[in-house]
C-alpha atoms as a PDB file:
ATOM      1  CA  MET A   1      71.974 130.919   3.949  1.00  0.00           C
ATOM      2  CA  LYS A   2      75.711 131.077   4.314  1.00  0.00           C
ATOM      3  CA  LYS A   3      77.392 134.455   5.180  1.00  0.00           C
ATOM      4  CA  ARG A   4      80.455 135.137   2.971  1.00  0.00           C
ATOM      5  CA  MET A   5      83.814 136.441   3.948  1.00  0.00           C
ATOM      6  CA  ASN A   6      85.285 139.898   3.086  1.00  0.00           C
ATOM      7  CA  THR A   7      88.561 139.390   2.176  1.00  0.00           C
ATOM      8  CA  MET A   8      90.097 142.340   4.006  1.00  0.00           C
ATOM      9  CA  TYR A   9      93.600 141.431   4.406  1.00  0.00           C
ATOM     10  CA  GLU A  10      96.118 139.508   1.739  1.00  0.00           C
ATOM     11  CA  LEU A  11      99.262 137.338   2.309  1.00  0.00           C
ATOM     12  CA  THR A  12     102.540 139.028   1.131  1.00  0.00           C
ATOM     13  CA  GLU A  13     105.682 137.264  -0.008  1.00  0.00           C
ATOM     14  CA  GLN A  14     109.061 139.120  -0.454  1.00  0.00           C
ATOM     15  CA  LYS A  15     112.976 137.586  -1.651  1.00  0.00           C
ATOM     16  CA  LYS A  16     115.386 138.200   0.969  1.00  0.00           C
ATOM     17  CA  ASN A  17     118.891 136.907  -0.082  1.00  0.00           C
ATOM     18  CA  ASP A  18     116.742 133.966  -1.622  1.00  0.00           C
ATOM     19  CA  ILE A  19     114.519 132.981   1.403  1.00  0.00           C
ATOM     20  CA  SER A  20     111.100 133.911   0.689  1.00  0.00           C
ATOM     21  CA  VAL A  21     109.552 135.873   3.705  1.00  0.00           C
ATOM     22  CA  TYR A  22     105.637 136.717   4.572  1.00  0.00           C
ATOM     23  CA  GLY A  23     103.714 139.099   5.853  1.00  0.00           C
ATOM     24  CA  VAL A  24     100.218 140.764   5.814  1.00  0.00           C
ATOM     25  CA  LYS A  25      98.876 143.634   3.621  1.00  0.00           C
ATOM     26  CA  TYR A  26      95.770 145.632   4.030  1.00  0.00           C
ATOM     27  CA  GLY A  27      95.090 148.411   1.525  1.00  0.00           C
ATOM     28  CA  ASP A  28      98.267 150.836   1.720  1.00  0.00           C
ATOM     29  CA  LEU A  29      99.352 149.120   5.334  1.00  0.00           C
ATOM     30  CA  GLN A  30     101.610 146.424   4.973  1.00  0.00           C
ATOM     31  CA  ILE A  31     103.745 144.601   7.598  1.00  0.00           C
ATOM     32  CA  ASP A  32     106.499 142.546   6.173  1.00  0.00           C
ATOM     33  CA  ASP A  33     109.173 140.193   6.943  1.00  0.00           C
ATOM     34  CA  ILE A  34     106.602 138.139   9.821  1.00  0.00           C
ATOM     35  CA  SER A  35     107.681 134.420   9.173  1.00  0.00           C
ATOM     36  CA  THR A  36     109.493 132.037   6.595  1.00  0.00           C
ATOM     37  CA  ASP A  37     106.487 129.875   7.573  1.00  0.00           C
ATOM     38  CA  LYS A  38     104.264 130.276   4.516  1.00  0.00           C
ATOM     39  CA  GLY A  39     101.647 128.067   6.194  1.00  0.00           C
ATOM     40  CA  ARG A  40     101.431 129.956   9.586  1.00  0.00           C
ATOM     41  CA  VAL A  41     101.332 133.117   7.743  1.00  0.00           C
ATOM     42  CA  LYS A  42      98.617 132.133   5.935  1.00  0.00           C
ATOM     43  CA  LYS A  43      96.884 130.954   8.637  1.00  0.00           C
ATOM     44  CA  PHE A  44      97.179 133.861  10.693  1.00  0.00           C
ATOM     45  CA  VAL A  45      95.529 136.079   7.278  1.00  0.00           C
ATOM     46  CA  ASP A  46      92.842 133.687   7.227  1.00  0.00           C
ATOM     47  CA  ASP A  47      91.978 134.068  10.898  1.00  0.00           C
ATOM     48  CA  ILE A  48      92.538 138.125  10.973  1.00  0.00           C
ATOM     49  CA  ASN A  49      90.235 137.769   7.936  1.00  0.00           C
ATOM     50  CA  LYS A  50      87.563 135.485   9.590  1.00  0.00           C
ATOM     51  CA  TYR A  51      87.193 137.586  12.608  1.00  0.00           C
ATOM     52  CA  GLN A  52      87.072 140.811  10.976  1.00  0.00           C
ATOM     53  CA  LEU A  53      89.662 142.268  12.872  1.00  0.00           C
ATOM     54  CA  SER A  54      89.884 145.916  12.472  1.00  0.00           C
ATOM     55  CA  PRO A  55      92.973 147.441  10.803  1.00  0.00           C
ATOM     56  CA  ILE A  56      93.608 149.426  14.217  1.00  0.00           C
ATOM     57  CA  HIS A  57      94.937 146.240  16.116  1.00  0.00           C
ATOM     58  CA  LEU A  58      97.026 145.011  13.233  1.00  0.00           C
ATOM     59  CA  GLY A  59     100.098 145.651  14.631  1.00  0.00           C
ATOM     60  CA  ASP A  60      99.189 144.739  17.955  1.00  0.00           C
ATOM     61  CA  VAL A  61      97.991 141.094  17.045  1.00  0.00           C
ATOM     62  CA  VAL A  62     101.445 140.701  14.849  1.00  0.00           C
ATOM     63  CA  VAL A  63     103.413 141.376  17.648  1.00  0.00           C
ATOM     64  CA  ASP A  64     101.568 138.467  19.770  1.00  0.00           C
ATOM     65  CA  PHE A  65     101.883 136.317  16.654  1.00  0.00           C
ATOM     66  CA  VAL A  66     105.606 136.909  16.676  1.00  0.00           C
ATOM     67  CA  GLU A  67     106.012 136.455  19.949  1.00  0.00           C
ATOM     68  CA  SER A  68     104.184 133.089  19.981  1.00  0.00           C
ATOM     69  CA  VAL A  69     106.451 131.583  17.604  1.00  0.00           C
END
């Protein structure tokens, strides 16, 4: 039987000067303006959901993600 993945984190989109910027949201916790590359942020969100990242680590993981660009 395949284990169903719980989706904790969501991809967010905001418009800034007609440019879409993407971030991540978990409940009331939201980090905006991570990147303009939707596909890259979507994969990031999929990965942190897949590995069930604890929200306490989200800030550090986002910093690592942005620095890896």
